[in-house]
Amino acid sequence: MEQRVTRQQFNDYLVPVYAPAEFIPVRGEGSCLWDQTGKDYIDFAGGIAVNALGHRHPEVLRALTEQADKVWHLGNGYTNEPVLRLAKQLVDATFADKIFFCNSGAEANEAALKLARLVGHSKKPNEKNEIIAFKNAFHGRTLFTVTAGGQPKYSQDFAPLPPAITHLPFNDLQAVAEHISARTCAVIVEPVQGEGGVVPANPEFLAGLRELCSQHDAVLIFDEVQTGVGRTGDLYAYQTYGVVPDILTSAKALGGGFPIGAMLTVDSLASHFQPGTHGTTYGGNPLATAVAGKVVEIINTPEVLGGVALRHQWFIERLNQINHQFHVFSEIRGLGLLLGAEMSERYAGQAKHLTQLAAEEGLIALIAGTNVLRFAPSLIIPQEDIEEGLNRLERAVARLCA
């Protein structure tokens, strides 16, 4: 007899690094989820920008099951057909010449930062090693990436931290211009700060970073873990901005729910990594790359990418209508289907409470810090699901404001 699973078992058996909701989703279809009781939810969270094609997309599911019937894992002493197909897809669609596959965004950023340090070391050993990052950034949870992230609450308790990482104000090009030097080996930036509040970079800021990095022979890294694979309406946000980095990191939506990460770069940098320099056991495995190949194939089309802008407009118009009535948000911002609604002064710090009320109404949403409600739904979410989800949000907002 199968054991009944309860939410209490999380408290009993799992290391408490999360505080999950009291309900347990057990089934998904498209942009909807159902919990153990059969209650339905509209999913505006997308597994934190992961489920770019919703739940159980039939073509992605078919790609997974077909590959599962062939070979799952080989190890890095061998290559495989799905990884080679996916690598070519990404090279053909982007600035990149070479791809390194791993399992997560943190691993992709770890590889990018290690490569940047290695490149700097090859030019000026023990001198060209400074990494410029930005306040309120988020790049992962490994010791290196959590240090590069500009949120001390995530890193300060794990000191001593990796040195030579400088944090400057986001969107402040002058601060970077005054600081960057021959010691700088890399600048790492999110085109849209996700965890930092869904704050898009100014176009002139990214263009200026590109110019400064070229002037100072530093590597420009775009962390596109959250913005990548269609989220902004282009395959990658660097294409939205028209600014080309030297290294780009990708994960989340790349696998459509199956764990995979990737570092994209150019030949002149990729050649610094040689056998034994860096690696991963599971990275580039046939299951993950078969799924990701189908995800990229579906998303990298005019129909899907063009539909992101239309859905963005549907969200913005209705969120503004809700806000006009309740004045709960001070700003609604974002690019494509990565959206943030900052709580107004009266409701400061209540974003989490609002998501809890929304869940009671049957809507799953995210937060970005304590003060921003965040949405990262499926890129192909139907209009009727957007409308129903925002109806449920409106009821939650009315309860918050009552």
Protein backbone atom coordinates (compact mmCIF):
# COMPACT_ATOMS: atom_id res chain seq x y z
CA MET A 1 0.00 0.00 0.00
CA GLU A 2 1.39 3.41 -0.99
CA GLN A 3 2.20 5.69 1.95
CA ARG A 4 0.19 8.90 2.19
CA VAL A 5 2.38 11.95 1.66
CA THR A 6 1.77 15.08 3.75
CA ARG A 7 3.29 18.54 4.01
CA GLN A 8 4.47 17.69 7.54
CA GLN A 9 6.99 15.30 6.03
CA PHE A 10 8.90 18.28 4.64
CA ASN A 11 9.48 19.47 8.20
CA ASP A 12 10.32 15.96 9.34
CA TYR A 13 12.80 14.87 6.67
CA LEU A 14 14.16 17.75 4.58
CA VAL A 15 16.91 20.21 5.43
CA PRO A 16 14.97 23.45 6.07
CA VAL A 17 16.48 25.67 3.37
CA TYR A 18 12.99 26.40 1.97
CA ALA A 19 9.62 27.34 3.40
CA PRO A 20 7.20 25.80 0.89
CA ALA A 21 3.47 26.42 0.72
CA GLU A 22 1.17 24.26 2.78
CA PHE A 23 -0.42 22.64 -0.28
CA ILE A 24 1.37 20.09 -2.49
CA PRO A 25 0.88 20.27 -6.27
CA VAL A 26 0.58 16.79 -7.76
CA ARG A 27 -0.39 17.34 -11.40
CA GLY A 28 0.16 19.96 -14.08
CA GLU A 29 -1.23 20.60 -17.54
CA GLY A 30 -0.39 23.70 -19.57
CA SER A 31 -0.54 26.68 -17.22
CA CYS A 32 -2.60 24.93 -14.55
CA LEU A 33 -1.71 22.88 -11.48
CA TRP A 34 -3.79 20.73 -9.14
CA ASP A 35 -2.99 19.91 -5.52
CA GLN A 36 -3.68 16.78 -3.46
CA THR A 37 -7.25 17.87 -2.79
CA GLY A 38 -8.01 18.53 -6.44
CA LYS A 39 -7.96 22.31 -6.11
CA ASP A 40 -6.77 24.05 -9.28
CA TYR A 41 -4.27 26.90 -9.57
CA ILE A 42 -3.23 29.17 -12.44
CA ASP A 43 0.56 29.09 -12.58
CA PHE A 44 2.13 32.55 -12.98
CA ALA A 45 5.39 31.38 -11.34
CA GLY A 46 6.51 28.86 -13.93
CA GLY A 47 8.80 27.12 -11.47
CA ILE A 48 10.74 30.43 -11.20
CA ALA A 49 10.94 31.04 -14.97
CA VAL A 50 11.68 27.37 -15.68
CA ASN A 51 8.48 25.97 -17.18
CA ALA A 52 8.66 28.11 -20.31
CA LEU A 53 6.27 25.83 -22.18
CA GLY A 54 4.04 25.09 -19.21
CA HIS A 55 3.51 21.66 -17.71
CA ARG A 56 3.62 18.40 -19.66
CA HIS A 57 4.03 19.96 -23.10
CA PRO A 58 3.31 16.98 -25.38
CA GLU A 59 6.28 17.45 -27.72
CA VAL A 60 8.73 17.91 -24.85
CA LEU A 61 7.28 14.91 -23.04
CA ARG A 62 7.71 12.86 -26.23
CA ALA A 63 11.34 13.96 -26.56
CA LEU A 64 12.01 12.85 -22.97
CA THR A 65 10.34 9.46 -23.25
CA GLU A 66 11.90 8.68 -26.63
CA GLN A 67 15.39 9.43 -25.29
CA ALA A 68 14.66 7.57 -22.04
CA ASP A 69 14.03 4.49 -24.15
CA LYS A 70 17.53 4.79 -25.68
CA VAL A 71 20.26 5.93 -23.26
CA TRP A 72 20.13 8.10 -20.13
CA HIS A 73 23.72 8.69 -19.08
CA LEU A 74 27.17 8.01 -20.43
CA GLY A 75 29.71 10.10 -18.51
CA ASN A 76 32.11 12.62 -20.00
CA GLY A 77 34.41 10.02 -21.49
CA TYR A 78 31.89 9.82 -24.34
CA THR A 79 29.78 12.26 -26.30
CA ASN A 80 26.21 11.71 -27.46
CA GLU A 81 23.90 12.72 -30.28
CA PRO A 82 21.43 14.95 -28.34
CA VAL A 83 24.20 17.11 -26.84
CA LEU A 84 25.79 17.65 -30.25
CA ARG A 85 22.46 18.63 -31.78
CA LEU A 86 21.70 21.06 -28.94
CA ALA A 87 25.15 22.63 -29.09
CA LYS A 88 24.72 23.31 -32.80
CA GLN A 89 21.25 24.78 -32.21
CA LEU A 90 22.65 27.27 -29.69
CA VAL A 91 25.72 28.13 -31.76
CA ASP A 92 23.58 28.72 -34.85
CA ALA A 93 21.14 30.92 -32.92
CA THR A 94 23.60 33.06 -30.92
CA PHE A 95 26.98 34.82 -30.92
CA ALA A 96 28.64 31.74 -29.40
CA ASP A 97 31.18 29.39 -30.97
CA LYS A 98 31.36 26.87 -28.12
CA ILE A 99 29.04 25.57 -25.37
CA PHE A 100 29.74 24.02 -21.98
CA PHE A 101 26.80 22.09 -20.53
CA CYS A 102 26.14 21.58 -16.83
CA ASN A 103 23.12 21.09 -14.57
CA SER A 104 22.05 24.49 -13.21
CA GLY A 105 22.40 28.23 -13.44
CA ALA A 106 24.80 28.33 -10.51
CA GLU A 107 27.06 25.81 -12.26
CA ALA A 108 26.90 27.80 -15.49
CA ASN A 109 27.91 30.97 -13.66
CA GLU A 110 30.61 29.10 -11.75
CA ALA A 111 32.07 27.96 -15.08
CA ALA A 112 31.86 31.49 -16.49
CA LEU A 113 33.64 33.05 -13.51
CA LYS A 114 36.31 30.36 -13.45
CA LEU A 115 36.92 30.83 -17.17
CA ALA A 116 37.18 34.60 -16.74
CA ARG A 117 39.73 34.19 -13.94
CA LEU A 118 41.66 31.69 -16.05
CA VAL A 119 41.75 34.08 -19.00
CA GLY A 120 42.92 36.90 -16.75
CA HIS A 121 45.60 34.69 -15.23
CA SER A 122 46.91 33.85 -18.69
CA LYS A 123 47.47 37.55 -19.35
CA LYS A 124 48.74 38.82 -15.98
CA PRO A 125 49.20 36.03 -13.40
CA ASN A 126 48.08 37.06 -9.90
CA GLU A 127 47.21 40.55 -11.12
CA LYS A 128 44.28 40.49 -13.56
CA ASN A 129 41.72 38.77 -11.35
CA GLU A 130 39.16 41.34 -10.15
CA ILE A 131 35.51 40.62 -10.96
CA ILE A 132 33.05 43.51 -11.02
CA ALA A 133 29.50 42.54 -10.08
CA PHE A 134 26.48 44.56 -9.00
CA LYS A 135 24.55 45.22 -5.84
CA ASN A 136 21.28 43.27 -5.49
CA ALA A 137 22.41 40.77 -8.12
CA PHE A 138 21.87 37.04 -7.82
CA HIS A 139 24.12 34.50 -9.57
CA GLY A 140 23.66 31.25 -7.63
CA ARG A 141 24.32 29.49 -4.33
CA THR A 142 27.83 28.08 -4.69
CA LEU A 143 30.42 29.94 -2.62
CA PHE A 144 31.85 31.67 -5.70
CA THR A 145 28.49 32.64 -7.23
CA VAL A 146 26.87 33.66 -3.95
CA THR A 147 29.84 35.99 -3.40
CA ALA A 148 29.45 37.45 -6.87
CA GLY A 149 25.79 38.05 -6.09
CA GLY A 150 25.34 41.46 -4.55
CA GLN A 151 23.10 40.49 -1.63
CA PRO A 152 25.15 40.07 1.59
CA LYS A 153 22.25 38.30 3.34
CA TYR A 154 23.01 35.26 1.17
CA SER A 155 26.80 35.27 1.59
CA GLN A 156 27.95 36.94 4.80
CA ASP A 157 27.49 33.90 7.05
CA PHE A 158 29.81 31.76 4.88
CA ALA A 159 32.96 33.88 5.23
CA PRO A 160 35.78 33.90 4.39
CA LEU A 161 34.52 34.52 0.87
CA PRO A 162 36.44 34.38 -2.43
CA PRO A 163 38.36 37.67 -2.77
CA ALA A 164 38.71 40.28 -5.53
CA ILE A 165 34.97 40.68 -6.20
CA THR A 166 33.75 44.28 -6.21
CA HIS A 167 30.07 45.25 -6.08
CA LEU A 168 28.95 48.48 -7.72
CA PRO A 169 25.50 50.07 -8.10
CA PHE A 170 23.38 48.52 -10.86
CA ASN A 171 22.60 50.81 -13.81
CA ASP A 172 25.37 53.23 -12.73
CA LEU A 173 27.79 53.31 -15.64
CA GLN A 174 29.81 56.14 -14.15
CA ALA A 175 30.62 54.05 -11.08
CA VAL A 176 31.95 51.28 -13.32
CA ALA A 177 33.94 53.71 -15.47
CA GLU A 178 35.61 55.15 -12.37
CA HIS A 179 36.50 51.73 -10.95
CA ILE A 180 37.37 49.37 -13.81
CA SER A 181 41.10 48.94 -14.43
CA ALA A 182 43.77 46.67 -15.85
CA ARG A 183 43.19 44.44 -12.80
CA THR A 184 39.63 43.70 -13.91
CA CYS A 185 39.27 40.32 -15.57
CA ALA A 186 35.46 40.31 -15.86
CA VAL A 187 32.19 42.14 -15.39
CA ILE A 188 29.14 39.97 -14.67
CA VAL A 189 25.65 41.41 -15.04
CA GLU A 190 22.02 40.32 -15.34
CA PRO A 191 20.19 42.09 -18.18
CA VAL A 192 17.22 42.08 -15.81
CA GLN A 193 17.91 41.67 -12.10
CA GLY A 194 15.41 38.97 -11.19
CA GLU A 195 15.83 38.18 -7.51
CA GLY A 196 16.88 41.78 -7.00
CA GLY A 197 13.39 43.06 -7.80
CA VAL A 198 12.81 42.53 -11.54
CA VAL A 199 14.84 45.59 -12.51
CA PRO A 200 15.76 45.86 -16.22
CA ALA A 201 19.16 47.25 -17.16
CA ASN A 202 19.16 50.54 -19.01
CA PRO A 203 20.23 50.00 -22.64
CA GLU A 204 22.99 52.59 -22.32
CA PHE A 205 24.27 50.82 -19.20
CA LEU A 206 24.81 47.51 -20.98
CA ALA A 207 26.23 49.21 -24.06
CA GLY A 208 28.62 51.13 -21.83
CA LEU A 209 29.72 47.95 -20.04
CA ARG A 210 30.51 46.42 -23.42
CA GLU A 211 32.66 49.41 -24.36
CA LEU A 212 34.47 49.51 -21.01
CA CYS A 213 35.22 45.79 -21.07
CA SER A 214 36.65 46.09 -24.57
CA GLN A 215 38.79 49.05 -23.49
CA HIS A 216 40.19 47.25 -20.44
CA ASP A 217 40.52 43.77 -21.96
CA ALA A 218 37.95 42.36 -19.53
CA VAL A 219 35.42 39.62 -20.20
CA LEU A 220 31.77 40.69 -20.26
CA ILE A 221 29.49 38.01 -18.79
CA PHE A 222 25.72 38.15 -19.18
CA ASP A 223 23.90 36.05 -16.60
CA GLU A 224 20.82 35.04 -18.59
CA VAL A 225 19.76 32.22 -16.32
CA GLN A 226 16.38 33.92 -15.79
CA THR A 227 16.10 36.08 -18.92
CA GLY A 228 17.20 33.44 -21.42
CA VAL A 229 15.31 31.18 -23.83
CA GLY A 230 12.51 33.49 -24.89
CA ARG A 231 11.67 35.21 -21.61
CA THR A 232 12.18 38.76 -23.00
CA GLY A 233 10.71 38.07 -26.45
CA ASP A 234 14.05 37.16 -28.03
CA LEU A 235 15.88 33.89 -27.57
CA TYR A 236 18.27 35.76 -25.25
CA ALA A 237 18.03 39.22 -23.75
CA TYR A 238 21.37 40.32 -25.25
CA GLN A 239 19.52 40.22 -28.58
CA THR A 240 16.75 42.38 -27.12
CA TYR A 241 19.34 44.96 -26.06
CA GLY A 242 21.63 44.61 -29.07
CA VAL A 243 24.71 44.20 -26.85
CA VAL A 244 26.88 41.11 -27.34
CA PRO A 245 28.71 39.63 -24.33
CA ASP A 246 31.80 37.42 -24.36
CA ILE A 247 30.19 34.78 -22.16
CA LEU A 248 26.50 34.07 -21.57
CA THR A 249 25.01 31.71 -19.01
CA SER A 250 21.72 29.91 -19.47
CA ALA A 251 19.59 27.47 -17.44
CA LYS A 252 16.02 27.53 -16.07
CA ALA A 253 13.86 27.66 -19.23
CA LEU A 254 16.52 25.88 -21.30
CA GLY A 255 15.25 22.50 -20.09
CA GLY A 256 11.60 23.47 -19.76
CA GLY A 257 11.61 21.80 -16.33
CA PHE A 258 14.41 19.27 -16.80
CA PRO A 259 17.65 20.33 -15.03
CA ILE A 260 20.26 21.70 -17.43
CA GLY A 261 22.60 24.67 -17.59
CA ALA A 262 24.92 26.02 -20.25
CA MET A 263 27.77 28.46 -20.66
CA LEU A 264 28.03 29.98 -24.13
CA THR A 265 31.25 31.66 -25.27
CA VAL A 266 33.58 32.38 -28.18
CA ASP A 267 36.51 30.33 -29.47
CA SER A 268 39.19 32.68 -28.14
CA LEU A 269 37.98 32.17 -24.58
CA ALA A 270 36.80 28.57 -24.83
CA SER A 271 40.30 27.44 -25.78
CA HIS A 272 41.54 28.27 -22.25
CA PHE A 273 39.51 25.31 -20.98
CA GLN A 274 41.22 22.04 -21.83
CA PRO A 275 40.60 18.43 -20.69
CA GLY A 276 40.93 18.40 -16.90
CA THR A 277 40.56 22.16 -16.42
CA HIS A 278 36.86 22.00 -15.62
CA GLY A 279 34.10 19.41 -15.79
CA THR A 280 30.89 17.86 -14.55
CA THR A 281 29.55 14.34 -14.25
CA TYR A 282 25.97 14.87 -15.40
CA GLY A 283 26.40 17.92 -17.61
CA GLY A 284 25.38 17.35 -21.22
CA ASN A 285 23.69 14.03 -20.49
CA PRO A 286 21.43 12.63 -23.24
CA LEU A 287 18.15 13.01 -21.33
CA ALA A 288 18.64 16.69 -20.47
CA THR A 289 19.97 17.71 -23.87
CA ALA A 290 17.26 15.83 -25.77
CA VAL A 291 14.61 17.71 -23.79
CA ALA A 292 16.42 21.06 -24.12
CA GLY A 293 16.83 20.56 -27.85
CA LYS A 294 13.07 20.23 -28.26
CA VAL A 295 12.44 23.22 -25.97
CA VAL A 296 14.77 25.45 -28.00
CA GLU A 297 13.26 24.19 -31.25
CA ILE A 298 9.76 25.16 -30.11
CA ILE A 299 10.62 28.48 -28.48
CA ASN A 300 13.02 29.83 -31.10
CA THR A 301 10.22 30.53 -33.57
CA PRO A 302 8.53 33.78 -34.62
CA GLU A 303 5.21 32.46 -33.31
CA VAL A 304 6.38 31.84 -29.75
CA LEU A 305 8.82 34.74 -29.45
CA GLY A 306 6.36 37.16 -31.03
CA GLY A 307 3.64 35.98 -28.69
CA VAL A 308 5.66 37.05 -25.66
CA ALA A 309 5.18 40.75 -26.44
CA LEU A 310 1.43 40.26 -26.87
CA ARG A 311 1.15 38.46 -23.54
CA HIS A 312 3.29 41.14 -21.89
CA GLN A 313 0.74 43.72 -23.00
CA TRP A 314 -2.19 41.67 -21.67
CA PHE A 315 -0.50 41.47 -18.27
CA ILE A 316 0.47 45.14 -18.11
CA GLU A 317 -2.95 46.45 -19.12
CA ARG A 318 -4.83 44.35 -16.58
CA LEU A 319 -2.33 44.92 -13.77
CA ASN A 320 -2.68 48.65 -14.33
CA GLN A 321 -6.48 48.30 -14.15
CA ILE A 322 -6.21 46.47 -10.84
CA ASN A 323 -3.77 49.04 -9.52
CA HIS A 324 -5.96 51.94 -10.63
CA GLN A 325 -8.69 50.58 -8.38
CA PHE A 326 -6.62 49.53 -5.35
CA HIS A 327 -3.34 51.56 -5.54
CA VAL A 328 -1.42 48.58 -4.20
CA PHE A 329 1.62 48.88 -6.49
CA SER A 330 4.05 51.77 -6.86
CA GLU A 331 5.52 50.48 -10.14
CA ILE A 332 4.86 47.68 -12.63
CA ARG A 333 7.96 46.81 -14.67
CA GLY A 334 9.91 44.14 -16.50
CA LEU A 335 10.61 42.80 -19.96
CA GLY A 336 8.54 40.24 -21.85
CA LEU A 337 7.13 37.69 -19.42
CA LEU A 338 9.44 38.53 -16.54
CA LEU A 339 7.34 41.06 -14.68
CA GLY A 340 7.54 42.73 -11.30
CA ALA A 341 4.97 44.76 -9.37
CA GLU A 342 6.50 46.73 -6.51
CA MET A 343 4.29 47.21 -3.47
CA SER A 344 3.25 50.77 -2.70
CA GLU A 345 4.38 52.47 0.49
CA ARG A 346 1.18 51.60 2.31
CA TYR A 347 1.70 47.88 1.62
CA ALA A 348 5.49 47.81 1.85
CA GLY A 349 6.93 44.41 2.76
CA GLN A 350 3.67 42.55 2.10
CA ALA A 351 4.52 40.86 -1.22
CA LYS A 352 4.77 37.44 0.44
CA HIS A 353 1.44 37.90 2.17
CA LEU A 354 -0.13 38.82 -1.15
CA THR A 355 1.18 35.62 -2.75
CA GLN A 356 -0.33 33.63 0.12
CA LEU A 357 -3.70 35.29 -0.40
CA ALA A 358 -3.37 34.68 -4.13
CA ALA A 359 -2.71 30.98 -3.53
CA GLU A 360 -5.89 30.79 -1.46
CA GLU A 361 -7.69 32.24 -4.49
CA GLY A 362 -6.03 29.68 -6.79
CA LEU A 363 -3.08 31.62 -8.23
CA ILE A 364 0.61 30.75 -7.88
CA ALA A 365 2.92 33.78 -8.04
CA LEU A 366 6.45 34.66 -6.94
CA ILE A 367 8.19 37.35 -4.96
CA ALA A 368 11.48 39.13 -5.62
CA GLY A 369 12.58 40.29 -2.21
CA THR A 370 10.03 41.40 0.36
CA ASN A 371 8.49 44.15 -1.72
CA VAL A 372 8.00 42.90 -5.28
CA LEU A 373 5.38 40.53 -6.66
CA ARG A 374 6.96 38.63 -9.58
CA PHE A 375 5.45 36.78 -12.53
CA ALA A 376 7.30 34.40 -14.86
CA PRO A 377 4.59 32.29 -16.51
CA SER A 378 4.72 29.98 -19.49
CA LEU A 379 5.66 31.81 -22.69
CA ILE A 380 2.63 30.23 -24.37
CA ILE A 381 0.11 30.77 -21.56
CA PRO A 382 -3.36 31.14 -23.12
CA GLN A 383 -5.14 34.47 -22.87
CA GLU A 384 -8.00 32.91 -20.90
CA ASP A 385 -5.55 31.66 -18.27
CA ILE A 386 -4.01 35.12 -17.97
CA GLU A 387 -7.47 36.63 -17.53
CA GLU A 388 -8.56 34.06 -14.95
CA GLY A 389 -5.25 34.30 -13.08
CA LEU A 390 -5.53 38.08 -12.86
CA ASN A 391 -9.14 37.77 -11.73
CA ARG A 392 -7.86 35.65 -8.88
CA LEU A 393 -5.08 38.16 -8.18
CA GLU A 394 -7.66 40.94 -8.06
CA ARG A 395 -9.62 39.06 -5.41
CA ALA A 396 -6.41 38.58 -3.40
CA VAL A 397 -5.57 42.28 -3.72
CA ALA A 398 -9.08 43.22 -2.56
CA ARG A 399 -8.58 41.06 0.53
CA LEU A 400 -5.17 42.63 1.21
CA CYS A 401 -6.61 46.12 0.94
CA ALA A 402 -9.79 45.43 2.91
